[in-house]
Amino acid sequence: MELNPDYHKVWFGKAIIFYNLGEYQEALKSYDKFLELKPDYKDAWFNKCGVLMTLEKYQEALESFDKALEWYPEDAYLWFERGFALSKLGEYNKAIGSFKKVLELDPKYPGAQYTLAISLSQLGEYKLALESFDKALKLEPENVDTWFNKGYFALEAGEYQEALKAYDKLSKLEPDNVDAWFQKGYILKKLGKYDDALKAYDKGLELYPEHPTVWSNRGNLLRKLGKQQEAIKSYDKSLELDPNAIDVWYLRGMVLGELGKNQEALESYNKILELDPLDVEAWYGKSEIFQKLKNNQEALKCLNKVLELKPDCELAKKAKEKILNQL
């Protein structure tokens, strides 16, 4: 006996089977066909929301959520997923409204305080966001994502001590969490605690030594601690991993110049100019090295290049005037 293809139960059953098989587009087509025949069947709208979210079709999902909420206005899950879809679309104010509704219906709904905090953070409402992160952590005190993001947005807000506490906690929960150690190093550096920052960077680099930016940051710390030779080694490691990092070549050249290693410093500046012949700072850096070498003609050439690229550079003007007065 052949089944009538317009029989609504068949389409509903097909939709469920397709979804379970991971055939989400086919599941969506089946729900759409079902809803043509039975537009007032609330469970189909509910299920369609889930399929659209899986397919990341957030705008369409919103329409389905609004329809489903006509029948399920007290369903915290629907309000939560609606908020998630809105946040994915960058509509954070509306998302906040949905997450607040979730919390009205169920103050302990998993993830609601966390997602509310993220949306608040995206709007720059850091104080309110940190309060929501704290509420989320009361419900799930060992949630590493919440600790990480609390630290991240505390840092964005300039709340360095609060950020440090979050990453301290995260590194205790997950001692092998590389990002926690790198973030701790960054914050400790901001707080002027250079020795502690160095220890945090070193711990992170033990776990993941392939991070060029952290090697560069480590070099900057060592320079602040007066350990220029060690700083050079860190810059070299950074450049092994990312040989096109102009800013690191510049730092390397600057520190080599401080150490009186003028030829090596010139090599660093020349490397920058291979990568970008119009880099003003590299031309100026070369001019300083040539002045140290008492090679005023080459220094002038470099300063003229600086002024060609940046005619209002006062440092270059003064340096050029000083050299010309000596000739």
C-alpha atoms as a PDB file:
ATOM      1  CA  MET A   1       0.000   0.000   0.000  1.00  0.00           C
ATOM      2  CA  GLU A   2       1.442   3.402  -1.041  1.00  0.00           C
ATOM      3  CA  LEU A   3       1.545   6.188   1.566  1.00  0.00           C
ATOM      4  CA  ASN A   4      -0.020   9.505   0.694  1.00  0.00           C
ATOM      5  CA  PRO A   5       2.924  11.963   0.445  1.00  0.00           C
ATOM      6  CA  ASP A   6       0.698  14.723   1.818  1.00  0.00           C
ATOM      7  CA  TYR A   7      -0.049  12.811   4.973  1.00  0.00           C
ATOM      8  CA  HIS A   8       1.407  15.082   7.639  1.00  0.00           C
ATOM      9  CA  LYS A   9       2.602  12.369  10.012  1.00  0.00           C
ATOM     10  CA  VAL A  10       4.836  10.946   7.315  1.00  0.00           C
ATOM     11  CA  TRP A  11       6.617  14.293   6.916  1.00  0.00           C
ATOM     12  CA  PHE A  12       7.011  14.665  10.662  1.00  0.00           C
ATOM     13  CA  GLY A  13       8.488  11.161  10.942  1.00  0.00           C
ATOM     14  CA  LYS A  14      10.841  11.790   8.004  1.00  0.00           C
ATOM     15  CA  ALA A  15      12.041  15.005   9.617  1.00  0.00           C
ATOM     16  CA  ILE A  16      12.964  13.203  12.827  1.00  0.00           C
ATOM     17  CA  ILE A  17      14.763  10.413  10.937  1.00  0.00           C
ATOM     18  CA  PHE A  18      16.704  12.860   8.766  1.00  0.00           C
ATOM     19  CA  TYR A  19      17.721  14.848  11.847  1.00  0.00           C
ATOM     20  CA  ASN A  20      18.959  11.725  13.636  1.00  0.00           C
ATOM     21  CA  LEU A  21      20.958  10.802  10.517  1.00  0.00           C
ATOM     22  CA  GLY A  22      22.575  14.243  10.438  1.00  0.00           C
ATOM     23  CA  GLU A  23      20.727  15.156   7.229  1.00  0.00           C
ATOM     24  CA  TYR A  24      19.704  18.560   8.541  1.00  0.00           C
ATOM     25  CA  GLN A  25      18.728  20.191   5.241  1.00  0.00           C
ATOM     26  CA  GLU A  26      16.414  17.292   4.484  1.00  0.00           C
ATOM     27  CA  ALA A  27      15.002  17.457   8.012  1.00  0.00           C
ATOM     28  CA  LEU A  28      14.271  21.167   7.476  1.00  0.00           C
ATOM     29  CA  LYS A  29      12.501  20.469   4.175  1.00  0.00           C
ATOM     30  CA  SER A  30      10.386  17.827   5.873  1.00  0.00           C
ATOM     31  CA  TYR A  31       9.387  20.141   8.712  1.00  0.00           C
ATOM     32  CA  ASP A  32       8.531  22.865   6.194  1.00  0.00           C
ATOM     33  CA  LYS A  33       6.346  20.422   4.270  1.00  0.00           C
ATOM     34  CA  PHE A  34       4.703  19.271   7.492  1.00  0.00           C
ATOM     35  CA  LEU A  35       3.967  22.858   8.547  1.00  0.00           C
ATOM     36  CA  GLU A  36       2.362  23.600   5.196  1.00  0.00           C
ATOM     37  CA  LEU A  37      -0.143  20.887   6.092  1.00  0.00           C
ATOM     38  CA  LYS A  38      -0.324  21.506   9.853  1.00  0.00           C
ATOM     39  CA  PRO A  39       0.757  25.116  10.514  1.00  0.00           C
ATOM     40  CA  ASP A  40      -0.615  25.087  14.057  1.00  0.00           C
ATOM     41  CA  TYR A  41       1.329  22.049  15.290  1.00  0.00           C
ATOM     42  CA  LYS A  42       3.509  23.490  18.026  1.00  0.00           C
ATOM     43  CA  ASP A  43       5.990  20.600  18.374  1.00  0.00           C
ATOM     44  CA  ALA A  44       6.982  20.967  14.713  1.00  0.00           C
ATOM     45  CA  TRP A  45       7.822  24.650  15.236  1.00  0.00           C
ATOM     46  CA  PHE A  46       9.775  23.698  18.339  1.00  0.00           C
ATOM     47  CA  ASN A  47      11.773  21.050  16.455  1.00  0.00           C
ATOM     48  CA  LYS A  48      12.308  23.286  13.439  1.00  0.00           C
ATOM     49  CA  CYS A  49      14.005  25.825  15.724  1.00  0.00           C
ATOM     50  CA  GLY A  50      16.555  23.191  16.699  1.00  0.00           C
ATOM     51  CA  VAL A  51      17.283  22.275  13.079  1.00  0.00           C
ATOM     52  CA  LEU A  52      17.768  25.912  12.058  1.00  0.00           C
ATOM     53  CA  MET A  53      20.143  26.494  14.970  1.00  0.00           C
ATOM     54  CA  THR A  54      22.134  23.413  13.984  1.00  0.00           C
ATOM     55  CA  LEU A  55      22.358  24.804  10.437  1.00  0.00           C
ATOM     56  CA  GLU A  56      23.361  28.243  11.852  1.00  0.00           C
ATOM     57  CA  LYS A  57      20.441  29.884  10.035  1.00  0.00           C
ATOM     58  CA  TYR A  58      19.920  32.328  12.840  1.00  0.00           C
ATOM     59  CA  GLN A  59      17.594  34.826  11.165  1.00  0.00           C
ATOM     60  CA  GLU A  60      15.210  32.065  10.083  1.00  0.00           C
ATOM     61  CA  ALA A  61      15.528  30.487  13.515  1.00  0.00           C
ATOM     62  CA  LEU A  62      14.330  33.720  15.133  1.00  0.00           C
ATOM     63  CA  GLU A  63      11.096  33.602  13.142  1.00  0.00           C
ATOM     64  CA  SER A  64      10.547  30.021  14.255  1.00  0.00           C
ATOM     65  CA  PHE A  65      11.349  30.847  17.885  1.00  0.00           C
ATOM     66  CA  ASP A  66       8.786  33.645  17.872  1.00  0.00           C
ATOM     67  CA  LYS A  67       6.208  31.268  16.435  1.00  0.00           C
ATOM     68  CA  ALA A  68       7.050  28.524  18.935  1.00  0.00           C
ATOM     69  CA  LEU A  69       6.922  31.019  21.821  1.00  0.00           C
ATOM     70  CA  GLU A  70       3.295  31.761  20.946  1.00  0.00           C
ATOM     71  CA  TRP A  71       2.589  28.252  22.242  1.00  0.00           C
ATOM     72  CA  TYR A  72       5.427  27.924  24.754  1.00  0.00           C
ATOM     73  CA  PRO A  73       5.802  31.430  26.280  1.00  0.00           C
ATOM     74  CA  GLU A  74       7.232  30.005  29.509  1.00  0.00           C
ATOM     75  CA  ASP A  75       9.795  27.730  27.881  1.00  0.00           C
ATOM     76  CA  ALA A  76      13.244  28.780  29.133  1.00  0.00           C
ATOM     77  CA  TYR A  77      15.014  26.683  26.492  1.00  0.00           C
ATOM     78  CA  LEU A  78      13.317  28.577  23.637  1.00  0.00           C
ATOM     79  CA  TRP A  79      14.136  31.952  25.188  1.00  0.00           C
ATOM     80  CA  PHE A  80      17.737  30.842  25.718  1.00  0.00           C
ATOM     81  CA  GLU A  81      18.193  29.630  22.146  1.00  0.00           C
ATOM     82  CA  ARG A  82      16.486  32.770  20.854  1.00  0.00           C
ATOM     83  CA  GLY A  83      19.001  34.854  22.806  1.00  0.00           C
ATOM     84  CA  PHE A  84      21.849  32.786  21.409  1.00  0.00           C
ATOM     85  CA  ALA A  85      20.604  33.344  17.836  1.00  0.00           C
ATOM     86  CA  LEU A  86      20.323  37.091  18.454  1.00  0.00           C
ATOM     87  CA  SER A  87      23.865  37.226  19.857  1.00  0.00           C
ATOM     88  CA  LYS A  88      25.139  35.396  16.773  1.00  0.00           C
ATOM     89  CA  LEU A  89      23.467  38.086  14.657  1.00  0.00           C
ATOM     90  CA  GLY A  90      25.154  40.799  16.727  1.00  0.00           C
ATOM     91  CA  GLU A  91      21.855  41.996  18.200  1.00  0.00           C
ATOM     92  CA  TYR A  92      23.164  42.023  21.740  1.00  0.00           C
ATOM     93  CA  ASN A  93      20.538  44.302  23.289  1.00  0.00           C
ATOM     94  CA  LYS A  94      17.762  41.988  22.151  1.00  0.00           C
ATOM     95  CA  ALA A  95      19.802  38.954  23.186  1.00  0.00           C
ATOM     96  CA  ILE A  96      20.129  40.407  26.695  1.00  0.00           C
ATOM     97  CA  GLY A  97      16.338  40.705  26.851  1.00  0.00           C
ATOM     98  CA  SER A  98      15.983  37.024  25.977  1.00  0.00           C
ATOM     99  CA  PHE A  99      18.590  35.887  28.513  1.00  0.00           C
ATOM    100  CA  LYS A 100      16.937  37.972  31.233  1.00  0.00           C
ATOM    101  CA  LYS A 101      13.636  36.277  30.390  1.00  0.00           C
ATOM    102  CA  VAL A 102      15.337  32.899  30.787  1.00  0.00           C
ATOM    103  CA  LEU A 103      16.516  33.897  34.252  1.00  0.00           C
ATOM    104  CA  GLU A 104      13.058  35.127  35.222  1.00  0.00           C
ATOM    105  CA  LEU A 105      11.692  31.682  34.325  1.00  0.00           C
ATOM    106  CA  ASP A 106      14.599  29.714  35.762  1.00  0.00           C
ATOM    107  CA  PRO A 107      17.254  31.583  37.795  1.00  0.00           C
ATOM    108  CA  LYS A 108      19.537  28.538  37.664  1.00  0.00           C
ATOM    109  CA  TYR A 109      19.207  27.835  33.942  1.00  0.00           C
ATOM    110  CA  PRO A 110      22.603  26.428  32.794  1.00  0.00           C
ATOM    111  CA  GLY A 111      24.617  28.949  30.845  1.00  0.00           C
ATOM    112  CA  ALA A 112      22.115  31.819  31.029  1.00  0.00           C
ATOM    113  CA  GLN A 113      24.197  34.060  33.307  1.00  0.00           C
ATOM    114  CA  TYR A 114      27.294  33.257  31.261  1.00  0.00           C
ATOM    115  CA  THR A 115      25.712  34.134  27.895  1.00  0.00           C
ATOM    116  CA  LEU A 116      24.157  37.240  29.434  1.00  0.00           C
ATOM    117  CA  ALA A 117      27.641  38.284  30.614  1.00  0.00           C
ATOM    118  CA  ILE A 118      29.113  37.744  27.150  1.00  0.00           C
ATOM    119  CA  SER A 119      26.395  39.876  25.506  1.00  0.00           C
ATOM    120  CA  LEU A 120      26.850  42.639  28.082  1.00  0.00           C
ATOM    121  CA  SER A 121      30.603  42.556  27.454  1.00  0.00           C
ATOM    122  CA  GLN A 122      30.064  42.960  23.713  1.00  0.00           C
ATOM    123  CA  LEU A 123      28.211  46.202  24.469  1.00  0.00           C
ATOM    124  CA  GLY A 124      31.023  47.414  26.723  1.00  0.00           C
ATOM    125  CA  GLU A 125      28.891  46.999  29.854  1.00  0.00           C
ATOM    126  CA  TYR A 126      31.806  45.471  31.723  1.00  0.00           C
ATOM    127  CA  LYS A 127      30.647  46.150  35.285  1.00  0.00           C
ATOM    128  CA  LEU A 128      27.308  44.426  34.686  1.00  0.00           C
ATOM    129  CA  ALA A 129      29.063  41.665  32.746  1.00  0.00           C
ATOM    130  CA  LEU A 130      31.460  40.924  35.615  1.00  0.00           C
ATOM    131  CA  GLU A 131      28.509  40.731  37.991  1.00  0.00           C
ATOM    132  CA  SER A 132      26.881  38.167  35.696  1.00  0.00           C
ATOM    133  CA  PHE A 133      30.106  36.172  35.433  1.00  0.00           C
ATOM    134  CA  ASP A 134      30.216  36.073  39.242  1.00  0.00           C
ATOM    135  CA  LYS A 135      26.615  34.832  39.392  1.00  0.00           C
ATOM    136  CA  ALA A 136      27.444  32.190  36.786  1.00  0.00           C
ATOM    137  CA  LEU A 137      30.424  31.047  38.877  1.00  0.00           C
ATOM    138  CA  LYS A 138      28.264  30.678  41.961  1.00  0.00           C
ATOM    139  CA  LEU A 139      26.244  28.126  39.985  1.00  0.00           C
ATOM    140  CA  GLU A 140      29.267  26.490  38.326  1.00  0.00           C
ATOM    141  CA  PRO A 141      32.382  27.392  40.335  1.00  0.00           C
ATOM    142  CA  GLU A 142      34.699  25.221  38.247  1.00  0.00           C
ATOM    143  CA  ASN A 143      33.577  26.271  34.784  1.00  0.00           C
ATOM    144  CA  VAL A 144      36.851  27.068  33.036  1.00  0.00           C
ATOM    145  CA  ASP A 145      35.230  28.966  30.141  1.00  0.00           C
ATOM    146  CA  THR A 146      33.562  31.320  32.587  1.00  0.00           C
ATOM    147  CA  TRP A 147      36.804  31.934  34.489  1.00  0.00           C
ATOM    148  CA  PHE A 148      38.663  32.569  31.237  1.00  0.00           C
ATOM    149  CA  ASN A 149      36.107  35.030  29.894  1.00  0.00           C
ATOM    150  CA  LYS A 150      35.726  36.772  33.228  1.00  0.00           C
ATOM    151  CA  GLY A 151      39.488  37.348  33.158  1.00  0.00           C
ATOM    152  CA  TYR A 152      39.433  38.438  29.529  1.00  0.00           C
ATOM    153  CA  PHE A 153      36.694  41.026  29.959  1.00  0.00           C
ATOM    154  CA  ALA A 154      38.058  42.232  33.307  1.00  0.00           C
ATOM    155  CA  LEU A 155      41.269  42.898  31.399  1.00  0.00           C
ATOM    156  CA  GLU A 156      39.326  44.746  28.687  1.00  0.00           C
ATOM    157  CA  ALA A 157      37.782  46.879  31.435  1.00  0.00           C
ATOM    158  CA  GLY A 158      41.224  47.662  32.894  1.00  0.00           C
ATOM    159  CA  GLU A 159      40.420  45.681  36.056  1.00  0.00           C
ATOM    160  CA  TYR A 160      43.825  44.044  36.201  1.00  0.00           C
ATOM    161  CA  GLN A 161      43.627  42.657  39.726  1.00  0.00           C
ATOM    162  CA  GLU A 162      40.228  41.102  39.016  1.00  0.00           C
ATOM    163  CA  ALA A 163      41.551  39.629  35.773  1.00  0.00           C
ATOM    164  CA  LEU A 164      44.601  38.232  37.563  1.00  0.00           C
ATOM    165  CA  LYS A 165      42.413  36.528  40.181  1.00  0.00           C
ATOM    166  CA  ALA A 166      40.378  34.892  37.409  1.00  0.00           C
ATOM    167  CA  TYR A 167      43.451  33.526  35.628  1.00  0.00           C
ATOM    168  CA  ASP A 168      44.999  32.416  38.937  1.00  0.00           C
ATOM    169  CA  LYS A 169      41.870  30.367  39.554  1.00  0.00           C
ATOM    170  CA  LEU A 170      41.870  29.032  36.001  1.00  0.00           C
ATOM    171  CA  SER A 171      45.512  27.942  36.233  1.00  0.00           C
ATOM    172  CA  LYS A 172      44.686  26.042  39.442  1.00  0.00           C
ATOM    173  CA  LEU A 173      41.719  24.309  37.816  1.00  0.00           C
ATOM    174  CA  GLU A 174      43.711  23.569  34.667  1.00  0.00           C
ATOM    175  CA  PRO A 175      47.467  23.758  35.333  1.00  0.00           C
ATOM    176  CA  ASP A 176      48.146  22.905  31.681  1.00  0.00           C
ATOM    177  CA  ASN A 177      45.962  25.695  30.317  1.00  0.00           C
ATOM    178  CA  VAL A 178      48.439  27.590  28.148  1.00  0.00           C
ATOM    179  CA  ASP A 179      46.204  30.626  27.640  1.00  0.00           C
ATOM    180  CA  ALA A 180      45.815  31.099  31.393  1.00  0.00           C
ATOM    181  CA  TRP A 181      49.602  31.346  31.848  1.00  0.00           C
ATOM    182  CA  PHE A 182      50.078  33.653  28.869  1.00  0.00           C
ATOM    183  CA  GLN A 183      47.269  35.936  30.062  1.00  0.00           C
ATOM    184  CA  LYS A 184      48.740  35.964  33.578  1.00  0.00           C
ATOM    185  CA  GLY A 185      52.089  36.993  32.118  1.00  0.00           C
ATOM    186  CA  TYR A 186      50.497  39.829  30.163  1.00  0.00           C
ATOM    187  CA  ILE A 187      48.577  41.140  33.204  1.00  0.00           C
ATOM    188  CA  LEU A 188      51.565  40.891  35.548  1.00  0.00           C
ATOM    189  CA  LYS A 189      53.597  42.870  33.028  1.00  0.00           C
ATOM    190  CA  LYS A 190      50.872  45.541  32.981  1.00  0.00           C
ATOM    191  CA  LEU A 191      51.069  45.656  36.782  1.00  0.00           C
ATOM    192  CA  GLY A 192      54.845  46.135  36.616  1.00  0.00           C
ATOM    193  CA  LYS A 193      55.539  42.744  38.215  1.00  0.00           C
ATOM    194  CA  TYR A 194      58.132  41.784  35.637  1.00  0.00           C
ATOM    195  CA  ASP A 195      59.760  38.857  37.452  1.00  0.00           C
ATOM    196  CA  ASP A 196      56.388  37.218  38.094  1.00  0.00           C
ATOM    197  CA  ALA A 197      55.313  37.934  34.519  1.00  0.00           C
ATOM    198  CA  LEU A 198      58.463  36.226  33.249  1.00  0.00           C
ATOM    199  CA  LYS A 199      57.714  33.122  35.339  1.00  0.00           C
ATOM    200  CA  ALA A 200      54.174  32.983  33.943  1.00  0.00           C
ATOM    201  CA  TYR A 201      55.418  33.316  30.359  1.00  0.00           C
ATOM    202  CA  ASP A 202      58.045  30.626  30.966  1.00  0.00           C
ATOM    203  CA  LYS A 203      55.415  28.255  32.337  1.00  0.00           C
ATOM    204  CA  GLY A 204      53.218  28.852  29.309  1.00  0.00           C
ATOM    205  CA  LEU A 205      56.133  28.365  26.925  1.00  0.00           C
ATOM    206  CA  GLU A 206      56.998  25.067  28.605  1.00  0.00           C
ATOM    207  CA  LEU A 207      53.529  23.895  27.632  1.00  0.00           C
ATOM    208  CA  TYR A 208      53.468  25.511  24.184  1.00  0.00           C
ATOM    209  CA  PRO A 209      56.808  26.781  22.914  1.00  0.00           C
ATOM    210  CA  GLU A 210      55.562  27.638  19.399  1.00  0.00           C
ATOM    211  CA  HIS A 211      53.986  31.024  20.186  1.00  0.00           C
ATOM    212  CA  PRO A 212      56.027  33.807  18.525  1.00  0.00           C
ATOM    213  CA  THR A 213      54.199  36.708  20.199  1.00  0.00           C
ATOM    214  CA  VAL A 214      54.863  35.333  23.679  1.00  0.00           C
ATOM    215  CA  TRP A 215      58.568  34.912  22.890  1.00  0.00           C
ATOM    216  CA  SER A 216      58.592  38.535  21.746  1.00  0.00           C
ATOM    217  CA  ASN A 217      56.761  39.671  24.902  1.00  0.00           C
ATOM    218  CA  ARG A 218      59.241  37.680  26.950  1.00  0.00           C
ATOM    219  CA  GLY A 219      62.056  39.544  25.208  1.00  0.00           C
ATOM    220  CA  ASN A 220      60.444  42.866  26.110  1.00  0.00           C
ATOM    221  CA  LEU A 221      60.253  41.813  29.753  1.00  0.00           C
ATOM    222  CA  LEU A 222      63.895  40.768  29.826  1.00  0.00           C
ATOM    223  CA  ARG A 223      64.858  44.109  28.321  1.00  0.00           C
ATOM    224  CA  LYS A 224      62.948  45.915  31.093  1.00  0.00           C
ATOM    225  CA  LEU A 225      64.827  43.756  33.599  1.00  0.00           C
ATOM    226  CA  GLY A 226      68.127  44.870  32.038  1.00  0.00           C
ATOM    227  CA  LYS A 227      68.810  41.415  30.550  1.00  0.00           C
ATOM    228  CA  GLN A 228      69.439  42.474  26.974  1.00  0.00           C
ATOM    229  CA  GLN A 229      71.446  39.400  25.938  1.00  0.00           C
ATOM    230  CA  GLU A 230      68.621  37.096  27.053  1.00  0.00           C
ATOM    231  CA  ALA A 231      66.109  39.416  25.380  1.00  0.00           C
ATOM    232  CA  ILE A 232      67.922  38.920  22.055  1.00  0.00           C
ATOM    233  CA  LYS A 233      67.602  35.139  22.440  1.00  0.00           C
ATOM    234  CA  SER A 234      63.846  35.497  22.956  1.00  0.00           C
ATOM    235  CA  TYR A 235      63.517  37.750  19.906  1.00  0.00           C
ATOM    236  CA  ASP A 236      65.535  35.228  17.873  1.00  0.00           C
ATOM    237  CA  LYS A 237      63.181  32.441  18.951  1.00  0.00           C
ATOM    238  CA  SER A 238      60.188  34.569  18.018  1.00  0.00           C
ATOM    239  CA  LEU A 239      61.709  35.230  14.590  1.00  0.00           C
ATOM    240  CA  GLU A 240      62.389  31.524  14.045  1.00  0.00           C
ATOM    241  CA  LEU A 241      58.650  31.010  14.367  1.00  0.00           C
ATOM    242  CA  ASP A 242      57.617  34.133  12.442  1.00  0.00           C
ATOM    243  CA  PRO A 243      60.470  35.475  10.292  1.00  0.00           C
ATOM    244  CA  ASN A 244      58.289  38.208   8.797  1.00  0.00           C
ATOM    245  CA  ALA A 245      57.473  39.924  12.101  1.00  0.00           C
ATOM    246  CA  ILE A 246      58.712  43.449  11.387  1.00  0.00           C
ATOM    247  CA  ASP A 247      58.066  44.687  14.927  1.00  0.00           C
ATOM    248  CA  VAL A 248      60.298  41.946  16.364  1.00  0.00           C
ATOM    249  CA  TRP A 249      63.102  42.678  13.913  1.00  0.00           C
ATOM    250  CA  TYR A 250      62.852  46.313  15.022  1.00  0.00           C
ATOM    251  CA  LEU A 251      63.024  45.424  18.719  1.00  0.00           C
ATOM    252  CA  ARG A 252      65.964  43.144  18.028  1.00  0.00           C
ATOM    253  CA  GLY A 253      67.776  45.925  16.161  1.00  0.00           C
ATOM    254  CA  MET A 254      67.090  48.412  18.934  1.00  0.00           C
ATOM    255  CA  VAL A 255      68.434  46.127  21.687  1.00  0.00           C
ATOM    256  CA  LEU A 256      71.489  45.170  19.631  1.00  0.00           C
ATOM    257  CA  GLY A 257      72.156  48.886  19.215  1.00  0.00           C
ATOM    258  CA  GLU A 258      71.904  49.339  22.993  1.00  0.00           C
ATOM    259  CA  LEU A 259      74.505  46.580  23.388  1.00  0.00           C
ATOM    260  CA  GLY A 260      76.821  48.259  20.907  1.00  0.00           C
ATOM    261  CA  LYS A 261      76.440  45.391  18.418  1.00  0.00           C
ATOM    262  CA  ASN A 262      76.055  47.828  15.576  1.00  0.00           C
ATOM    263  CA  GLN A 263      76.613  45.571  12.582  1.00  0.00           C
ATOM    264  CA  GLU A 264      74.070  43.053  13.868  1.00  0.00           C
ATOM    265  CA  ALA A 265      71.657  45.899  14.537  1.00  0.00           C
ATOM    266  CA  LEU A 266      72.069  47.067  10.930  1.00  0.00           C
ATOM    267  CA  GLU A 267      71.308  43.534   9.747  1.00  0.00           C
ATOM    268  CA  SER A 268      68.015  43.634  11.661  1.00  0.00           C
ATOM    269  CA  TYR A 269      67.022  46.982  10.171  1.00  0.00           C
ATOM    270  CA  ASN A 270      68.033  45.793   6.684  1.00  0.00           C
ATOM    271  CA  LYS A 271      65.834  42.731   7.139  1.00  0.00           C
ATOM    272  CA  ILE A 272      62.888  45.020   7.872  1.00  0.00           C
ATOM    273  CA  LEU A 273      63.587  46.996   4.705  1.00  0.00           C
ATOM    274  CA  GLU A 274      63.640  43.789   2.686  1.00  0.00           C
ATOM    275  CA  LEU A 275      60.139  43.112   3.979  1.00  0.00           C
ATOM    276  CA  ASP A 276      58.968  46.740   3.699  1.00  0.00           C
ATOM    277  CA  PRO A 277      61.250  49.255   1.954  1.00  0.00           C
ATOM    278  CA  LEU A 278      59.017  52.107   3.147  1.00  0.00           C
ATOM    279  CA  ASP A 279      59.323  51.405   6.873  1.00  0.00           C
ATOM    280  CA  VAL A 280      60.203  54.785   8.387  1.00  0.00           C
ATOM    281  CA  GLU A 281      61.312  53.427  11.764  1.00  0.00           C
ATOM    282  CA  ALA A 282      63.802  51.054  10.153  1.00  0.00           C
ATOM    283  CA  TRP A 283      65.364  53.888   8.128  1.00  0.00           C
ATOM    284  CA  TYR A 284      65.584  56.005  11.269  1.00  0.00           C
ATOM    285  CA  GLY A 285      67.037  53.105  13.245  1.00  0.00           C
ATOM    286  CA  LYS A 286      69.720  52.666  10.581  1.00  0.00           C
ATOM    287  CA  SER A 287      70.539  56.373  10.767  1.00  0.00           C
ATOM    288  CA  GLU A 288      71.147  56.072  14.517  1.00  0.00           C
ATOM    289  CA  ILE A 289      73.511  53.121  14.033  1.00  0.00           C
ATOM    290  CA  PHE A 290      75.459  54.949  11.315  1.00  0.00           C
ATOM    291  CA  GLN A 291      75.799  57.939  13.647  1.00  0.00           C
ATOM    292  CA  LYS A 292      77.256  55.639  16.305  1.00  0.00           C
ATOM    293  CA  LEU A 293      79.691  54.329  13.670  1.00  0.00           C
ATOM    294  CA  LYS A 294      80.634  57.944  12.797  1.00  0.00           C
ATOM    295  CA  ASN A 295      79.439  57.321   9.250  1.00  0.00           C
ATOM    296  CA  ASN A 296      77.642  60.610   8.749  1.00  0.00           C
ATOM    297  CA  GLN A 297      77.194  60.253   4.999  1.00  0.00           C
ATOM    298  CA  GLU A 298      75.242  57.008   5.341  1.00  0.00           C
ATOM    299  CA  ALA A 299      73.326  58.447   8.304  1.00  0.00           C
ATOM    300  CA  LEU A 300      72.288  61.415   6.141  1.00  0.00           C
ATOM    301  CA  LYS A 301      71.097  59.119   3.368  1.00  0.00           C
ATOM    302  CA  CYS A 302      68.905  57.294   5.841  1.00  0.00           C
ATOM    303  CA  LEU A 303      67.560  60.526   7.356  1.00  0.00           C
ATOM    304  CA  ASN A 304      66.765  61.888   3.900  1.00  0.00           C
ATOM    305  CA  LYS A 305      64.802  58.718   3.229  1.00  0.00           C
ATOM    306  CA  VAL A 306      62.911  59.194   6.504  1.00  0.00           C
ATOM    307  CA  LEU A 307      62.018  62.767   5.528  1.00  0.00           C
ATOM    308  CA  GLU A 308      60.997  61.666   2.044  1.00  0.00           C
ATOM    309  CA  LEU A 309      58.553  59.180   3.586  1.00  0.00           C
ATOM    310  CA  LYS A 310      57.552  61.364   6.559  1.00  0.00           C
ATOM    311  CA  PRO A 311      58.351  65.036   5.920  1.00  0.00           C
ATOM    312  CA  ASP A 312      57.093  66.172   9.343  1.00  0.00           C
ATOM    313  CA  CYS A 313      59.382  63.870  11.361  1.00  0.00           C
ATOM    314  CA  GLU A 314      60.940  66.249  13.894  1.00  0.00           C
ATOM    315  CA  LEU A 315      63.448  63.684  15.183  1.00  0.00           C
ATOM    316  CA  ALA A 316      64.842  63.213  11.685  1.00  0.00           C
ATOM    317  CA  LYS A 317      64.979  66.964  11.067  1.00  0.00           C
ATOM    318  CA  LYS A 318      66.940  67.574  14.282  1.00  0.00           C
ATOM    319  CA  ALA A 319      69.296  64.642  13.649  1.00  0.00           C
ATOM    320  CA  LYS A 320      69.977  65.844  10.134  1.00  0.00           C
ATOM    321  CA  GLU A 321      70.615  69.398  11.298  1.00  0.00           C
ATOM    322  CA  LYS A 322      73.035  68.116  13.960  1.00  0.00           C
ATOM    323  CA  ILE A 323      75.022  66.109  11.387  1.00  0.00           C
ATOM    324  CA  LEU A 324      75.167  68.978   8.896  1.00  0.00           C
ATOM    325  CA  ASN A 325      76.511  71.281  11.626  1.00  0.00           C
ATOM    326  CA  GLN A 326      79.301  68.787  12.250  1.00  0.00           C
ATOM    327  CA  LEU A 327      80.365  68.561   8.620  1.00  0.00           C
END
